[in-house]
Amino acid sequence: MSPATPTPSRSAAFARSVALAAVLAVSVCSVSQDGQHPRTDEPKPDENEIKRVISMYAKAADEADPTTASHVWCDSSEDSLINPIGRWHGVEQITGFYRHEMGDAYSARNLKISDISVRVYTDAAWAEFNWDFSAKQRKDGSAVSFHGMETQIYRKTHGGWCLVHVHYSALPAERPTGTK
């Protein structure tokens, strides 16, 4: 045998080394990806907690209650709410939204949320859902209803999950078939 030709024991050792390197590379890649993708194989207590916060969020809207709303939001100057009628930043402005835009404008409110989807990362999450809002206008008692979709961004703190940002849009009115 020439010195360049590996012996059977060298070949086996080389193959084991390559296999070990491949296993280590896969392990490192999967560990580095853990924090980047939601896990689907474990229990989802964080998702359930976020859904509970969404229920409190709907209750705050139904009751136009700034106190309930303040328990949902993170209580930060960075909190923000965007919708078709404006923008609110910080807890003071956001609780004002519940008091004025919800409470002063409507004498009765009903926010129904459906099709909730939650994605959780280590200490951040977002939820998407559809909503139907019906209310009675305070000025004349007439009924109104809106339908939309919403995205909410959450942050995990020592006290649990809280809202950092909400962006919602009313769905466009349905157009008759065949129109653009």
Protein backbone atom coordinates (compact mmCIF):
# COMPACT_ATOMS: atom_id res chain seq x y z
CA MET A 1 0.00 0.00 0.00
CA SER A 2 1.13 3.48 -0.73
CA PRO A 3 1.18 6.10 2.03
CA ALA A 4 -1.62 8.07 0.25
CA THR A 5 -4.03 5.13 0.35
CA PRO A 6 -5.93 5.08 3.63
CA THR A 7 -5.96 1.86 5.57
CA PRO A 8 -9.32 0.41 6.61
CA SER A 9 -8.83 1.72 10.15
CA ARG A 10 -7.96 5.23 8.86
CA SER A 11 -11.03 5.18 6.59
CA ALA A 12 -13.29 4.18 9.45
CA ALA A 13 -11.80 6.85 11.73
CA PHE A 14 -12.18 9.46 9.01
CA ALA A 15 -15.82 8.45 8.39
CA ARG A 16 -16.57 8.65 12.14
CA SER A 17 -14.96 12.11 12.29
CA VAL A 18 -17.06 13.35 9.36
CA ALA A 19 -20.23 11.88 10.90
CA LEU A 20 -19.45 13.47 14.29
CA ALA A 21 -18.78 16.86 12.64
CA ALA A 22 -22.12 16.64 10.79
CA VAL A 23 -24.00 15.79 14.00
CA LEU A 24 -22.35 18.69 15.83
CA ALA A 25 -23.14 21.11 12.98
CA VAL A 26 -26.80 20.09 12.96
CA SER A 27 -26.96 20.42 16.76
CA VAL A 28 -25.45 23.90 16.71
CA CYS A 29 -27.81 25.00 13.94
CA SER A 30 -30.90 23.70 15.73
CA VAL A 31 -29.89 25.28 19.06
CA SER A 32 -29.25 28.66 17.40
CA GLN A 33 -32.66 28.48 15.71
CA ASP A 34 -34.62 27.70 18.92
CA GLY A 35 -35.11 31.34 19.87
CA GLN A 36 -36.08 32.32 16.33
CA HIS A 37 -39.05 30.06 15.65
CA PRO A 38 -42.11 29.26 17.73
CA ARG A 39 -42.21 25.77 19.15
CA THR A 40 -45.13 23.62 18.15
CA ASP A 41 -44.30 20.47 20.10
CA GLU A 42 -44.66 21.85 23.64
CA PRO A 43 -47.64 22.95 25.71
CA LYS A 44 -48.73 26.48 24.94
CA PRO A 45 -49.41 28.27 28.24
CA ASP A 46 -48.13 31.57 26.79
CA GLU A 47 -50.66 31.38 23.94
CA ASN A 48 -53.43 30.77 26.46
CA GLU A 49 -52.27 33.73 28.56
CA ILE A 50 -52.26 36.00 25.50
CA LYS A 51 -55.77 34.85 24.60
CA ARG A 52 -56.82 35.75 28.15
CA VAL A 53 -55.33 39.24 27.67
CA ILE A 54 -57.25 39.54 24.37
CA SER A 55 -60.46 38.73 26.28
CA MET A 56 -59.67 41.49 28.79
CA TYR A 57 -58.94 43.83 25.87
CA ALA A 58 -62.43 43.10 24.44
CA LYS A 59 -63.97 43.63 27.88
CA ALA A 60 -62.25 47.02 28.18
CA ALA A 61 -63.71 48.00 24.80
CA ASP A 62 -67.20 46.70 25.64
CA GLU A 63 -67.23 48.63 28.91
CA ALA A 64 -65.21 51.63 27.61
CA ASP A 65 -63.18 51.07 30.77
CA PRO A 66 -59.78 52.75 30.98
CA THR A 67 -58.98 50.88 34.23
CA THR A 68 -59.40 47.45 32.62
CA ALA A 69 -57.47 48.73 29.60
CA SER A 70 -54.59 49.81 31.84
CA HIS A 71 -54.22 46.19 33.03
CA VAL A 72 -53.87 45.00 29.42
CA TRP A 73 -51.24 47.46 28.21
CA CYS A 74 -47.57 47.48 29.28
CA ASP A 75 -47.85 50.96 30.84
CA SER A 76 -45.03 52.37 28.76
CA SER A 77 -44.58 55.57 26.78
CA GLU A 78 -43.75 53.24 23.87
CA ASP A 79 -47.23 51.63 23.84
CA SER A 80 -49.15 52.55 20.70
CA LEU A 81 -52.58 52.10 19.16
CA ILE A 82 -53.30 52.78 15.49
CA ASN A 83 -56.70 52.56 13.82
CA PRO A 84 -58.58 54.27 10.98
CA ILE A 85 -59.41 57.34 13.09
CA GLY A 86 -56.04 58.06 14.69
CA ARG A 87 -52.93 57.21 16.69
CA TRP A 88 -52.41 57.12 20.43
CA HIS A 89 -49.06 56.78 22.21
CA GLY A 90 -48.48 55.98 25.85
CA VAL A 91 -50.91 54.66 28.41
CA GLU A 92 -52.45 58.06 29.15
CA GLN A 93 -53.48 58.63 25.52
CA ILE A 94 -54.56 55.00 25.07
CA THR A 95 -56.77 54.98 28.16
CA GLY A 96 -58.15 58.29 26.85
CA PHE A 97 -59.14 56.42 23.69
CA TYR A 98 -61.25 54.03 25.77
CA ARG A 99 -62.78 56.91 27.73
CA HIS A 100 -63.50 59.28 24.82
CA GLU A 101 -63.59 57.46 21.48
CA MET A 102 -65.37 54.46 22.97
CA GLY A 103 -67.23 55.80 26.02
CA ASP A 104 -68.26 59.27 24.87
CA ALA A 105 -69.16 58.16 21.34
CA TYR A 106 -71.17 55.01 22.11
CA SER A 107 -73.72 54.22 24.82
CA ALA A 108 -73.40 50.46 24.27
CA ARG A 109 -70.59 48.45 22.68
CA ASN A 110 -70.02 44.82 21.74
CA LEU A 111 -66.65 43.63 20.41
CA LYS A 112 -66.62 40.02 19.20
CA ILE A 113 -63.25 38.50 18.35
CA SER A 114 -62.72 35.42 16.16
CA ASP A 115 -60.05 33.43 14.33
CA ILE A 116 -57.28 34.22 16.83
CA SER A 117 -53.77 33.23 15.80
CA VAL A 118 -50.90 33.66 18.29
CA ARG A 119 -47.16 33.37 17.64
CA VAL A 120 -44.91 33.29 20.72
CA TYR A 121 -41.16 33.80 20.90
CA THR A 122 -39.11 33.97 24.08
CA ASP A 123 -40.30 37.33 25.39
CA ALA A 124 -42.25 38.72 22.44
CA ALA A 125 -45.39 37.60 20.65
CA TRP A 126 -48.02 38.74 18.24
CA ALA A 127 -51.66 37.90 17.73
CA GLU A 128 -53.87 38.34 14.68
CA PHE A 129 -57.64 38.08 14.65
CA ASN A 130 -60.86 39.25 13.04
CA TRP A 131 -63.40 41.32 14.90
CA ASP A 132 -66.98 42.52 14.68
CA PHE A 133 -67.91 45.65 16.59
CA SER A 134 -71.49 46.77 17.07
CA ALA A 135 -72.55 49.78 19.08
CA LYS A 136 -75.25 52.32 19.73
CA GLN A 137 -74.27 55.92 19.05
CA ARG A 138 -74.70 58.11 22.09
CA LYS A 139 -75.76 61.19 20.08
CA ASP A 140 -78.88 59.70 18.48
CA GLY A 141 -79.16 56.05 19.55
CA SER A 142 -78.57 54.72 16.03
CA ALA A 143 -76.87 51.37 15.61
CA VAL A 144 -73.51 51.02 13.90
CA SER A 145 -71.36 48.03 13.10
CA PHE A 146 -67.87 47.58 11.78
CA HIS A 147 -65.88 44.51 10.78
CA GLY A 148 -62.12 44.35 10.75
CA MET A 149 -58.84 42.64 11.39
CA GLU A 150 -56.22 43.36 14.00
CA THR A 151 -52.60 42.70 14.83
CA GLN A 152 -51.37 42.98 18.42
CA ILE A 153 -47.76 42.93 19.61
CA TYR A 154 -46.98 41.65 23.11
CA ARG A 155 -44.03 41.77 25.49
CA LYS A 156 -43.43 39.34 28.33
CA THR A 157 -42.57 40.98 31.65
CA HIS A 158 -42.18 39.64 35.18
CA GLY A 159 -45.93 40.18 35.57
CA GLY A 160 -46.86 38.25 32.42
CA TRP A 161 -47.82 39.28 28.89
CA CYS A 162 -48.89 42.83 28.10
CA LEU A 163 -49.77 44.79 24.97
CA VAL A 164 -47.16 47.03 23.36
CA HIS A 165 -48.86 47.80 20.05
CA VAL A 166 -52.24 47.40 18.36
CA HIS A 167 -52.99 48.12 14.72
CA TYR A 168 -56.46 47.48 13.41
CA SER A 169 -58.26 48.13 10.18
CA ALA A 170 -61.88 48.01 9.20
CA LEU A 171 -62.55 45.57 6.41
CA PRO A 172 -63.43 47.28 3.14
CA ALA A 173 -67.10 47.25 2.19
CA GLU A 174 -68.04 44.34 -0.02
CA ARG A 175 -68.35 45.25 -3.65
CA PRO A 176 -71.01 43.84 -5.94
CA THR A 177 -69.76 40.94 -8.03
CA GLY A 178 -68.10 42.03 -11.25
CA THR A 179 -67.02 45.50 -10.08
CA LYS A 180 -63.53 46.76 -9.42
